[in-house]
Amino acid sequence: LKGHSQGVCGLDWCPHRPEWLASGSFDFTAQVWDVVALEPLFSIRGHYGRVFTVCWSTVDEAVLYTGCDDQAARRWIVDSTTAPHAAPPTRRSQDDKATLLMKQRKQSA
């Protein structure tokens, strides 16, 4: 999965579209791939840490769940309104997000 800038740690096949594969990565993104066409489709961003888990809904074909070490589980609608695939953030931008998240946690404690 060359669309990720760091290691992939979670994969899930879409039960509604057998050619779609979701991946979660240490680059803070989840990606959706068309494995038949051999191309990335969507880039899902919004976590402030490594995305460890991706899971398609078995009920709603457009729903993808992600779990991350920012202690958040998120529900995403993956359809034509989802951002098209783009390069994942650089390591520098990830470090900046992680620093911001740690500061926010300290302030709320």
PDB file of N, CA and C in Angstrom:
ATOM      1  N   LEU A   1       0.850  -1.178   0.000  1.00  0.00           N
ATOM      2  CA  LEU A   1       0.000   0.000   0.000  1.00  0.00           C
ATOM      3  C   LEU A   1       0.892   1.236   0.000  1.00  0.00           C
ATOM      4  N   LYS A   2       1.270   1.623  -1.161  1.00  0.00           N
ATOM      5  CA  LYS A   2       2.237   2.706  -1.296  1.00  0.00           C
ATOM      6  C   LYS A   2       1.659   4.089  -1.061  1.00  0.00           C
ATOM      7  N   GLY A   3       0.366   4.190  -0.754  1.00  0.00           N
ATOM      8  CA  GLY A   3      -0.240   5.484  -0.472  1.00  0.00           C
ATOM      9  C   GLY A   3      -0.013   5.952   0.947  1.00  0.00           C
ATOM     10  N   HIS A   4       0.496   5.070   1.813  1.00  0.00           N
ATOM     11  CA  HIS A   4       0.790   5.453   3.188  1.00  0.00           C
ATOM     12  C   HIS A   4       2.256   5.847   3.305  1.00  0.00           C
ATOM     13  N   SER A   5       2.538   6.800   4.192  1.00  0.00           N
ATOM     14  CA  SER A   5       3.920   7.235   4.379  1.00  0.00           C
ATOM     15  C   SER A   5       4.602   6.481   5.516  1.00  0.00           C
ATOM     16  N   GLN A   6       3.827   5.684   6.273  1.00  0.00           N
ATOM     17  CA  GLN A   6       4.397   4.861   7.344  1.00  0.00           C
ATOM     18  C   GLN A   6       3.700   3.506   7.332  1.00  0.00           C
ATOM     19  N   GLY A   7       4.057   2.655   8.270  1.00  0.00           N
ATOM     20  CA  GLY A   7       3.563   1.294   8.296  1.00  0.00           C
ATOM     21  C   GLY A   7       2.050   1.175   8.423  1.00  0.00           C
ATOM     22  N   VAL A   8       1.527   0.124   7.822  1.00  0.00           N
ATOM     23  CA  VAL A   8       0.100  -0.200   7.896  1.00  0.00           C
ATOM     24  C   VAL A   8      -0.100  -1.211   9.017  1.00  0.00           C
ATOM     25  N   CYS A   9      -1.101  -0.972   9.859  1.00  0.00           N
ATOM     26  CA  CYS A   9      -1.319  -1.877  10.986  1.00  0.00           C
ATOM     27  C   CYS A   9      -2.738  -2.420  11.074  1.00  0.00           C
ATOM     28  N   GLY A  10      -3.616  -1.996  10.183  1.00  0.00           N
ATOM     29  CA  GLY A  10      -4.977  -2.522  10.190  1.00  0.00           C
ATOM     30  C   GLY A  10      -5.538  -2.585   8.788  1.00  0.00           C
ATOM     31  N   LEU A  11      -6.236  -3.683   8.471  1.00  0.00           N
ATOM     32  CA  LEU A  11      -6.855  -3.870   7.161  1.00  0.00           C
ATOM     33  C   LEU A  11      -8.243  -4.457   7.343  1.00  0.00           C
ATOM     34  N   ASP A  12      -9.171  -4.085   6.443  1.00  0.00           N
ATOM     35  CA  ASP A  12     -10.494  -4.707   6.449  1.00  0.00           C
ATOM     36  C   ASP A  12     -11.098  -4.624   5.052  1.00  0.00           C
ATOM     37  N   TRP A  13     -11.590  -5.774   4.560  1.00  0.00           N
ATOM     38  CA  TRP A  13     -12.278  -5.829   3.272  1.00  0.00           C
ATOM     39  C   TRP A  13     -13.700  -5.334   3.451  1.00  0.00           C
ATOM     40  N   CYS A  14     -14.183  -4.570   2.498  1.00  0.00           N
ATOM     41  CA  CYS A  14     -15.563  -4.079   2.531  1.00  0.00           C
ATOM     42  C   CYS A  14     -16.509  -5.235   2.188  1.00  0.00           C
ATOM     43  N   PRO A  15     -17.477  -5.538   3.058  1.00  0.00           N
ATOM     44  CA  PRO A  15     -18.389  -6.645   2.776  1.00  0.00           C
ATOM     45  C   PRO A  15     -19.399  -6.328   1.670  1.00  0.00           C
ATOM     46  N   HIS A  16     -19.542  -5.069   1.312  1.00  0.00           N
ATOM     47  CA  HIS A  16     -20.520  -4.652   0.304  1.00  0.00           C
ATOM     48  C   HIS A  16     -19.890  -4.427  -1.065  1.00  0.00           C
ATOM     49  N   ARG A  17     -18.617  -4.098  -1.056  1.00  0.00           N
ATOM     50  CA  ARG A  17     -17.873  -3.870  -2.304  1.00  0.00           C
ATOM     51  C   ARG A  17     -16.583  -4.673  -2.208  1.00  0.00           C
ATOM     52  N   PRO A  18     -16.571  -5.865  -2.740  1.00  0.00           N
ATOM     53  CA  PRO A  18     -15.426  -6.761  -2.535  1.00  0.00           C
ATOM     54  C   PRO A  18     -14.108  -6.258  -3.101  1.00  0.00           C
ATOM     55  N   GLU A  19     -14.154  -5.247  -3.959  1.00  0.00           N
ATOM     56  CA  GLU A  19     -12.907  -4.702  -4.501  1.00  0.00           C
ATOM     57  C   GLU A  19     -12.307  -3.615  -3.604  1.00  0.00           C
ATOM     58  N   TRP A  20     -13.021  -3.227  -2.541  1.00  0.00           N
ATOM     59  CA  TRP A  20     -12.529  -2.173  -1.652  1.00  0.00           C
ATOM     60  C   TRP A  20     -11.853  -2.763  -0.418  1.00  0.00           C
ATOM     61  N   LEU A  21     -10.695  -2.196  -0.101  1.00  0.00           N
ATOM     62  CA  LEU A  21      -9.941  -2.566   1.094  1.00  0.00           C
ATOM     63  C   LEU A  21      -9.619  -1.285   1.854  1.00  0.00           C
ATOM     64  N   ALA A  22      -9.892  -1.273   3.149  1.00  0.00           N
ATOM     65  CA  ALA A  22      -9.535  -0.129   3.999  1.00  0.00           C
ATOM     66  C   ALA A  22      -8.259  -0.462   4.753  1.00  0.00           C
ATOM     67  N   SER A  23      -7.429   0.538   4.954  1.00  0.00           N
ATOM     68  CA  SER A  23      -6.186   0.346   5.703  1.00  0.00           C
ATOM     69  C   SER A  23      -6.017   1.479   6.713  1.00  0.00           C
ATOM     70  N   GLY A  24      -5.453   1.138   7.876  1.00  0.00           N
ATOM     71  CA  GLY A  24      -5.104   2.123   8.890  1.00  0.00           C
ATOM     72  C   GLY A  24      -3.599   2.125   9.052  1.00  0.00           C
ATOM     73  N   SER A  25      -3.045   3.288   9.374  1.00  0.00           N
ATOM     74  CA  SER A  25      -1.595   3.409   9.355  1.00  0.00           C
ATOM     75  C   SER A  25      -1.046   4.265  10.494  1.00  0.00           C
ATOM     76  N   PHE A  26       0.258   4.102  10.711  1.00  0.00           N
ATOM     77  CA  PHE A  26       0.978   4.945  11.657  1.00  0.00           C
ATOM     78  C   PHE A  26       1.075   6.385  11.150  1.00  0.00           C
ATOM     79  N   ASP A  27       0.690   6.658   9.906  1.00  0.00           N
ATOM     80  CA  ASP A  27       0.761   8.019   9.378  1.00  0.00           C
ATOM     81  C   ASP A  27      -0.473   8.853   9.724  1.00  0.00           C
ATOM     82  N   PHE A  28      -1.314   8.357  10.653  1.00  0.00           N
ATOM     83  CA  PHE A  28      -2.492   9.044  11.181  1.00  0.00           C
ATOM     84  C   PHE A  28      -3.665   9.046  10.199  1.00  0.00           C
ATOM     85  N   THR A  29      -3.616   8.245   9.149  1.00  0.00           N
ATOM     86  CA  THR A  29      -4.693   8.219   8.171  1.00  0.00           C
ATOM     87  C   THR A  29      -5.254   6.815   7.993  1.00  0.00           C
ATOM     88  N   ALA A  30      -6.456   6.770   7.461  1.00  0.00           N
ATOM     89  CA  ALA A  30      -7.027   5.541   6.921  1.00  0.00           C
ATOM     90  C   ALA A  30      -7.187   5.799   5.434  1.00  0.00           C
ATOM     91  N   GLN A  31      -7.035   4.761   4.638  1.00  0.00           N
ATOM     92  CA  GLN A  31      -7.156   4.880   3.195  1.00  0.00           C
ATOM     93  C   GLN A  31      -8.114   3.809   2.706  1.00  0.00           C
ATOM     94  N   VAL A  32      -8.807   4.104   1.634  1.00  0.00           N
ATOM     95  CA  VAL A  32      -9.658   3.116   0.973  1.00  0.00           C
ATOM     96  C   VAL A  32      -9.080   2.883  -0.412  1.00  0.00           C
ATOM     97  N   TRP A  33      -8.934   1.604  -0.761  1.00  0.00           N
ATOM     98  CA  TRP A  33      -8.274   1.196  -1.995  1.00  0.00           C
ATOM     99  C   TRP A  33      -9.215   0.396  -2.875  1.00  0.00           C
ATOM    100  N   ASP A  34      -9.082   0.546  -4.166  1.00  0.00           N
ATOM    101  CA  ASP A  34      -9.720  -0.341  -5.131  1.00  0.00           C
ATOM    102  C   ASP A  34      -8.631  -1.319  -5.556  1.00  0.00           C
ATOM    103  N   VAL A  35      -8.727  -2.562  -5.076  1.00  0.00           N
ATOM    104  CA  VAL A  35      -7.659  -3.528  -5.342  1.00  0.00           C
ATOM    105  C   VAL A  35      -7.745  -4.114  -6.743  1.00  0.00           C
ATOM    106  N   VAL A  36      -8.883  -3.997  -7.393  1.00  0.00           N
ATOM    107  CA  VAL A  36      -9.010  -4.468  -8.773  1.00  0.00           C
ATOM    108  C   VAL A  36      -8.316  -3.476  -9.717  1.00  0.00           C
ATOM    109  N   ALA A  37      -8.598  -2.199  -9.521  1.00  0.00           N
ATOM    110  CA  ALA A  37      -7.980  -1.157 -10.349  1.00  0.00           C
ATOM    111  C   ALA A  37      -6.564  -0.818  -9.884  1.00  0.00           C
ATOM    112  N   LEU A  38      -6.182  -1.344  -8.716  1.00  0.00           N
ATOM    113  CA  LEU A  38      -4.859  -1.079  -8.128  1.00  0.00           C
ATOM    114  C   LEU A  38      -4.605   0.405  -7.913  1.00  0.00           C
ATOM    115  N   GLU A  39      -5.624   1.081  -7.318  1.00  0.00           N
ATOM    116  CA  GLU A  39      -5.449   2.502  -7.049  1.00  0.00           C
ATOM    117  C   GLU A  39      -6.134   2.908  -5.750  1.00  0.00           C
ATOM    118  N   PRO A  40      -5.593   3.936  -5.088  1.00  0.00           N
ATOM    119  CA  PRO A  40      -6.237   4.464  -3.893  1.00  0.00           C
ATOM    120  C   PRO A  40      -7.458   5.285  -4.267  1.00  0.00           C
ATOM    121  N   LEU A  41      -8.502   5.202  -3.431  1.00  0.00           N
ATOM    122  CA  LEU A  41      -9.734   5.934  -3.703  1.00  0.00           C
ATOM    123  C   LEU A  41      -9.927   7.129  -2.783  1.00  0.00           C
ATOM    124  N   PHE A  42      -9.826   6.882  -1.464  1.00  0.00           N
ATOM    125  CA  PHE A  42     -10.142   7.907  -0.478  1.00  0.00           C
ATOM    126  C   PHE A  42      -9.064   7.980   0.595  1.00  0.00           C
ATOM    127  N   SER A  43      -8.870   9.179   1.098  1.00  0.00           N
ATOM    128  CA  SER A  43      -7.957   9.429   2.206  1.00  0.00           C
ATOM    129  C   SER A  43      -8.783   9.970   3.370  1.00  0.00           C
ATOM    130  N   ILE A  44      -8.735   9.287   4.494  1.00  0.00           N
ATOM    131  CA  ILE A  44      -9.550   9.657   5.650  1.00  0.00           C
ATOM    132  C   ILE A  44      -8.629  10.203   6.736  1.00  0.00           C
ATOM    133  N   ARG A  45      -8.826  11.472   7.054  1.00  0.00           N
ATOM    134  CA  ARG A  45      -7.970  12.163   8.027  1.00  0.00           C
ATOM    135  C   ARG A  45      -8.813  12.766   9.129  1.00  0.00           C
ATOM    136  N   GLY A  46      -8.243  12.859  10.292  1.00  0.00           N
ATOM    137  CA  GLY A  46      -8.964  13.465  11.401  1.00  0.00           C
ATOM    138  C   GLY A  46      -8.500  12.947  12.741  1.00  0.00           C
ATOM    139  N   HIS A  47      -7.718  11.877  12.738  1.00  0.00           N
ATOM    140  CA  HIS A  47      -7.158  11.369  13.990  1.00  0.00           C
ATOM    141  C   HIS A  47      -5.869  12.117  14.321  1.00  0.00           C
ATOM    142  N   TYR A  48      -5.529  12.123  15.600  1.00  0.00           N
ATOM    143  CA  TYR A  48      -4.295  12.747  16.065  1.00  0.00           C
ATOM    144  C   TYR A  48      -3.329  11.699  16.587  1.00  0.00           C
ATOM    145  N   GLY A  49      -3.323  10.565  15.956  1.00  0.00           N
ATOM    146  CA  GLY A  49      -2.430   9.476  16.333  1.00  0.00           C
ATOM    147  C   GLY A  49      -2.531   8.363  15.310  1.00  0.00           C
ATOM    148  N   ARG A  50      -1.800   7.284  15.585  1.00  0.00           N
ATOM    149  CA  ARG A  50      -1.758   6.144  14.673  1.00  0.00           C
ATOM    150  C   ARG A  50      -3.115   5.452  14.599  1.00  0.00           C
ATOM    151  N   VAL A  51      -3.558   5.148  13.403  1.00  0.00           N
ATOM    152  CA  VAL A  51      -4.840   4.468  13.197  1.00  0.00           C
ATOM    153  C   VAL A  51      -4.561   2.965  13.217  1.00  0.00           C
ATOM    154  N   PHE A  52      -4.965   2.315  14.309  1.00  0.00           N
ATOM    155  CA  PHE A  52      -4.689   0.896  14.486  1.00  0.00           C
ATOM    156  C   PHE A  52      -5.759  -0.013  13.891  1.00  0.00           C
ATOM    157  N   THR A  53      -7.008   0.446  13.862  1.00  0.00           N
ATOM    158  CA  THR A  53      -8.115  -0.417  13.491  1.00  0.00           C
ATOM    159  C   THR A  53      -8.999   0.249  12.454  1.00  0.00           C
ATOM    160  N   VAL A  54      -9.382  -0.517  11.452  1.00  0.00           N
ATOM    161  CA  VAL A  54     -10.392  -0.097  10.484  1.00  0.00           C
ATOM    162  C   VAL A  54     -11.411  -1.223  10.383  1.00  0.00           C
ATOM    163  N   CYS A  55     -12.686  -0.857  10.306  1.00  0.00           N
ATOM    164  CA  CYS A  55     -13.734  -1.872  10.271  1.00  0.00           C
ATOM    165  C   CYS A  55     -14.932  -1.338   9.496  1.00  0.00           C
ATOM    166  N   TRP A  56     -15.312  -2.027   8.438  1.00  0.00           N
ATOM    167  CA  TRP A  56     -16.495  -1.647   7.666  1.00  0.00           C
ATOM    168  C   TRP A  56     -17.755  -2.066   8.403  1.00  0.00           C
ATOM    169  N   SER A  57     -18.792  -1.276   8.281  1.00  0.00           N
ATOM    170  CA  SER A  57     -20.099  -1.639   8.814  1.00  0.00           C
ATOM    171  C   SER A  57     -20.642  -2.798   7.989  1.00  0.00           C
ATOM    172  N   THR A  58     -21.257  -3.752   8.665  1.00  0.00           N
ATOM    173  CA  THR A  58     -21.898  -4.856   7.944  1.00  0.00           C
ATOM    174  C   THR A  58     -23.313  -4.487   7.533  1.00  0.00           C
ATOM    175  N   VAL A  59     -23.821  -3.365   8.038  1.00  0.00           N
ATOM    176  CA  VAL A  59     -25.193  -2.935   7.754  1.00  0.00           C
ATOM    177  C   VAL A  59     -25.225  -1.823   6.707  1.00  0.00           C
ATOM    178  N   ASP A  60     -24.394  -0.804   6.889  1.00  0.00           N
ATOM    179  CA  ASP A  60     -24.394   0.362   6.011  1.00  0.00           C
ATOM    180  C   ASP A  60     -23.143   0.340   5.144  1.00  0.00           C
ATOM    181  N   GLU A  61     -23.313   0.203   3.852  1.00  0.00           N
ATOM    182  CA  GLU A  61     -22.163   0.032   2.963  1.00  0.00           C
ATOM    183  C   GLU A  61     -21.243   1.239   2.890  1.00  0.00           C
ATOM    184  N   ALA A  62     -21.687   2.408   3.312  1.00  0.00           N
ATOM    185  CA  ALA A  62     -20.863   3.611   3.223  1.00  0.00           C
ATOM    186  C   ALA A  62     -20.159   3.950   4.538  1.00  0.00           C
ATOM    187  N   VAL A  63     -20.310   3.120   5.566  1.00  0.00           N
ATOM    188  CA  VAL A  63     -19.755   3.457   6.883  1.00  0.00           C
ATOM    189  C   VAL A  63     -18.481   2.653   7.167  1.00  0.00           C
ATOM    190  N   LEU A  64     -17.452   3.387   7.574  1.00  0.00           N
ATOM    191  CA  LEU A  64     -16.183   2.804   7.999  1.00  0.00           C
ATOM    192  C   LEU A  64     -15.878   3.324   9.403  1.00  0.00           C
ATOM    193  N   TYR A  65     -15.497   2.432  10.296  1.00  0.00           N
ATOM    194  CA  TYR A  65     -15.102   2.815  11.651  1.00  0.00           C
ATOM    195  C   TYR A  65     -13.583   2.737  11.759  1.00  0.00           C
ATOM    196  N   THR A  66     -13.008   3.661  12.530  1.00  0.00           N
ATOM    197  CA  THR A  66     -11.571   3.635  12.781  1.00  0.00           C
ATOM    198  C   THR A  66     -11.314   3.788  14.274  1.00  0.00           C
ATOM    199  N   GLY A  67     -10.223   3.197  14.721  1.00  0.00           N
ATOM    200  CA  GLY A  67      -9.787   3.328  16.101  1.00  0.00           C
ATOM    201  C   GLY A  67      -8.325   3.722  16.120  1.00  0.00           C
ATOM    202  N   CYS A  68      -7.977   4.576  17.075  1.00  0.00           N
ATOM    203  CA  CYS A  68      -6.668   5.215  17.032  1.00  0.00           C
ATOM    204  C   CYS A  68      -6.069   5.353  18.424  1.00  0.00           C
ATOM    205  N   ASP A  69      -4.760   5.565  18.480  1.00  0.00           N
ATOM    206  CA  ASP A  69      -4.138   5.760  19.789  1.00  0.00           C
ATOM    207  C   ASP A  69      -4.348   7.167  20.345  1.00  0.00           C
ATOM    208  N   ASP A  70      -5.163   8.003  19.675  1.00  0.00           N
ATOM    209  CA  ASP A  70      -5.592   9.270  20.278  1.00  0.00           C
ATOM    210  C   ASP A  70      -6.815   9.036  21.172  1.00  0.00           C
ATOM    211  N   GLN A  71      -7.127   7.763  21.410  1.00  0.00           N
ATOM    212  CA  GLN A  71      -8.217   7.311  22.278  1.00  0.00           C
ATOM    213  C   GLN A  71      -9.579   7.674  21.712  1.00  0.00           C
ATOM    214  N   ALA A  72      -9.669   7.687  20.386  1.00  0.00           N
ATOM    215  CA  ALA A  72     -10.938   7.997  19.733  1.00  0.00           C
ATOM    216  C   ALA A  72     -11.302   6.892  18.754  1.00  0.00           C
ATOM    217  N   ALA A  73     -12.571   6.578  18.734  1.00  0.00           N
ATOM    218  CA  ALA A  73     -13.135   5.725  17.687  1.00  0.00           C
ATOM    219  C   ALA A  73     -14.033   6.638  16.871  1.00  0.00           C
ATOM    220  N   ARG A  74     -13.921   6.545  15.571  1.00  0.00           N
ATOM    221  CA  ARG A  74     -14.687   7.453  14.719  1.00  0.00           C
ATOM    222  C   ARG A  74     -15.467   6.677  13.678  1.00  0.00           C
ATOM    223  N   ARG A  75     -16.575   7.295  13.273  1.00  0.00           N
ATOM    224  CA  ARG A  75     -17.445   6.753  12.222  1.00  0.00           C
ATOM    225  C   ARG A  75     -17.348   7.684  11.022  1.00  0.00           C
ATOM    226  N   TRP A  76     -17.049   7.123   9.862  1.00  0.00           N
ATOM    227  CA  TRP A  76     -16.859   7.899   8.651  1.00  0.00           C
ATOM    228  C   TRP A  76     -17.853   7.444   7.592  1.00  0.00           C
ATOM    229  N   ILE A  77     -18.359   8.390   6.823  1.00  0.00           N
ATOM    230  CA  ILE A  77     -19.178   8.074   5.663  1.00  0.00           C
ATOM    231  C   ILE A  77     -18.237   8.109   4.453  1.00  0.00           C
ATOM    232  N   VAL A  78     -18.094   6.978   3.802  1.00  0.00           N
ATOM    233  CA  VAL A  78     -17.192   6.864   2.658  1.00  0.00           C
ATOM    234  C   VAL A  78     -18.050   6.791   1.392  1.00  0.00           C
ATOM    235  N   ASP A  79     -18.114   7.915   0.687  1.00  0.00           N
ATOM    236  CA  ASP A  79     -18.885   7.968  -0.552  1.00  0.00           C
ATOM    237  C   ASP A  79     -18.309   9.063  -1.433  1.00  0.00           C
ATOM    238  N   SER A  80     -19.064   9.514  -2.385  1.00  0.00           N
ATOM    239  CA  SER A  80     -18.543  10.499  -3.337  1.00  0.00           C
ATOM    240  C   SER A  80     -18.205  11.848  -2.690  1.00  0.00           C
ATOM    241  N   THR A  81     -18.681  12.087  -1.460  1.00  0.00           N
ATOM    242  CA  THR A  81     -18.352  13.345  -0.782  1.00  0.00           C
ATOM    243  C   THR A  81     -17.068  13.242   0.035  1.00  0.00           C
ATOM    244  N   THR A  82     -16.523  12.039   0.164  1.00  0.00           N
ATOM    245  CA  THR A  82     -15.279  11.832   0.911  1.00  0.00           C
ATOM    246  C   THR A  82     -14.113  12.384   0.103  1.00  0.00           C
ATOM    247  N   ALA A  83     -13.125  12.906   0.814  1.00  0.00           N
ATOM    248  CA  ALA A  83     -11.953  13.466   0.136  1.00  0.00           C
ATOM    249  C   ALA A  83     -11.291  12.403  -0.733  1.00  0.00           C
ATOM    250  N   PRO A  84     -10.943  12.771  -1.962  1.00  0.00           N
ATOM    251  CA  PRO A  84     -10.219  11.812  -2.797  1.00  0.00           C
ATOM    252  C   PRO A  84      -8.849  11.534  -2.188  1.00  0.00           C
ATOM    253  N   HIS A  85      -8.232  10.473  -2.625  1.00  0.00           N
ATOM    254  CA  HIS A  85      -6.937  10.098  -2.066  1.00  0.00           C
ATOM    255  C   HIS A  85      -5.929  11.215  -2.259  1.00  0.00           C
ATOM    256  N   ALA A  86      -5.138  11.444  -1.237  1.00  0.00           N
ATOM    257  CA  ALA A  86      -4.040  12.410  -1.279  1.00  0.00           C
ATOM    258  C   ALA A  86      -2.913  11.841  -0.437  1.00  0.00           C
ATOM    259  N   ALA A  87      -1.737  12.351  -0.639  1.00  0.00           N
ATOM    260  CA  ALA A  87      -0.587  11.871   0.127  1.00  0.00           C
ATOM    261  C   ALA A  87      -0.816  12.092   1.616  1.00  0.00           C
ATOM    262  N   PRO A  88      -0.444  11.104   2.447  1.00  0.00           N
ATOM    263  CA  PRO A  88      -0.580  11.282   3.891  1.00  0.00           C
ATOM    264  C   PRO A  88       0.308  12.414   4.389  1.00  0.00           C
ATOM    265  N   PRO A  89       0.012  12.901   5.587  1.00  0.00           N
ATOM    266  CA  PRO A  89       0.840  13.979   6.152  1.00  0.00           C
ATOM    267  C   PRO A  89       2.275  13.524   6.376  1.00  0.00           C
ATOM    268  N   THR A  90       3.164  14.477   6.420  1.00  0.00           N
ATOM    269  CA  THR A  90       4.568  14.161   6.667  1.00  0.00           C
ATOM    270  C   THR A  90       4.786  13.861   8.141  1.00  0.00           C
ATOM    271  N   ARG A  91       5.913  13.296   8.453  1.00  0.00           N
ATOM    272  CA  ARG A  91       6.256  12.985   9.844  1.00  0.00           C
ATOM    273  C   ARG A  91       6.260  14.252  10.699  1.00  0.00           C
ATOM    274  N   ARG A  92       6.721  15.358  10.149  1.00  0.00           N
ATOM    275  CA  ARG A  92       6.777  16.631  10.884  1.00  0.00           C
ATOM    276  C   ARG A  92       5.375  17.076  11.296  1.00  0.00           C
ATOM    277  N   SER A  93       4.410  17.026  10.388  1.00  0.00           N
ATOM    278  CA  SER A  93       3.059  17.459  10.722  1.00  0.00           C
ATOM    279  C   SER A  93       2.426  16.518  11.744  1.00  0.00           C
ATOM    280  N   GLN A  94       2.782  15.239  11.712  1.00  0.00           N
ATOM    281  CA  GLN A  94       2.273  14.296  12.709  1.00  0.00           C
ATOM    282  C   GLN A  94       2.834  14.623  14.084  1.00  0.00           C
ATOM    283  N   ASP A  95       4.118  14.936  14.147  1.00  0.00           N
ATOM    284  CA  ASP A  95       4.733  15.299  15.429  1.00  0.00           C
ATOM    285  C   ASP A  95       4.082  16.554  15.997  1.00  0.00           C
ATOM    286  N   ASP A  96       3.772  17.528  15.142  1.00  0.00           N
ATOM    287  CA  ASP A  96       3.113  18.755  15.589  1.00  0.00           C
ATOM    288  C   ASP A  96       1.729  18.450  16.161  1.00  0.00           C
ATOM    289  N   LYS A  97       0.962  17.573  15.510  1.00  0.00           N
ATOM    290  CA  LYS A  97      -0.365  17.203  16.004  1.00  0.00           C
ATOM    291  C   LYS A  97      -0.264  16.476  17.337  1.00  0.00           C
ATOM    292  N   ALA A  98       0.701  15.563  17.460  1.00  0.00           N
ATOM    293  CA  ALA A  98       0.858  14.812  18.704  1.00  0.00           C
ATOM    294  C   ALA A  98       1.230  15.746  19.850  1.00  0.00           C
ATOM    295  N   THR A  99       2.089  16.721  19.606  1.00  0.00           N
ATOM    296  CA  THR A  99       2.477  17.695  20.635  1.00  0.00           C
ATOM    297  C   THR A  99       1.270  18.516  21.067  1.00  0.00           C
ATOM    298  N   LEU A 100       0.455  18.959  20.107  1.00  0.00           N
ATOM    299  CA  LEU A 100      -0.744  19.725  20.416  1.00  0.00           C
ATOM    300  C   LEU A 100      -1.715  18.898  21.256  1.00  0.00           C
ATOM    301  N   LEU A 101      -1.907  17.647  20.898  1.00  0.00           N
ATOM    302  CA  LEU A 101      -2.810  16.773  21.644  1.00  0.00           C
ATOM    303  C   LEU A 101      -2.333  16.593  23.080  1.00  0.00           C
ATOM    304  N   MET A 102      -1.033  16.406  23.282  1.00  0.00           N
ATOM    305  CA  MET A 102      -0.497  16.233  24.644  1.00  0.00           C
ATOM    306  C   MET A 102      -0.699  17.505  25.460  1.00  0.00           C
ATOM    307  N   LYS A 103      -0.518  18.669  24.859  1.00  0.00           N
ATOM    308  CA  LYS A 103      -0.744  19.933  25.566  1.00  0.00           C
ATOM    309  C   LYS A 103      -2.191  20.078  25.972  1.00  0.00           C
ATOM    310  N   GLN A 104      -3.110  19.706  25.080  1.00  0.00           N
ATOM    311  CA  GLN A 104      -4.531  19.790  25.379  1.00  0.00           C
ATOM    312  C   GLN A 104      -4.908  18.862  26.531  1.00  0.00           C
ATOM    313  N   ARG A 105      -4.344  17.670  26.546  1.00  0.00           N
ATOM    314  CA  ARG A 105      -4.642  16.719  27.633  1.00  0.00           C
ATOM    315  C   ARG A 105      -4.128  17.233  28.979  1.00  0.00           C
ATOM    316  N   LYS A 106      -2.944  17.840  28.989  1.00  0.00           N
ATOM    317  CA  LYS A 106      -2.384  18.384  30.227  1.00  0.00           C
ATOM    318  C   LYS A 106      -3.245  19.520  30.757  1.00  0.00           C
ATOM    319  N   GLN A 107      -3.745  20.363  29.849  1.00  0.00           N
ATOM    320  CA  GLN A 107      -4.569  21.489  30.267  1.00  0.00           C
ATOM    321  C   GLN A 107      -5.908  21.038  30.828  1.00  0.00           C
ATOM    322  N   SER A 108      -6.449  19.948  30.321  1.00  0.00           N
ATOM    323  CA  SER A 108      -7.752  19.476  30.792  1.00  0.00           C
ATOM    324  C   SER A 108      -7.635  18.631  32.060  1.00  0.00           C
ATOM    325  N   ALA A 109      -6.434  18.227  32.407  1.00  0.00           N
ATOM    326  CA  ALA A 109      -6.236  17.360  33.599  1.00  0.00           C
ATOM    327  C   ALA A 109      -6.220  18.158  34.880  1.00  0.00           C
TER     328      ALA A 109
END
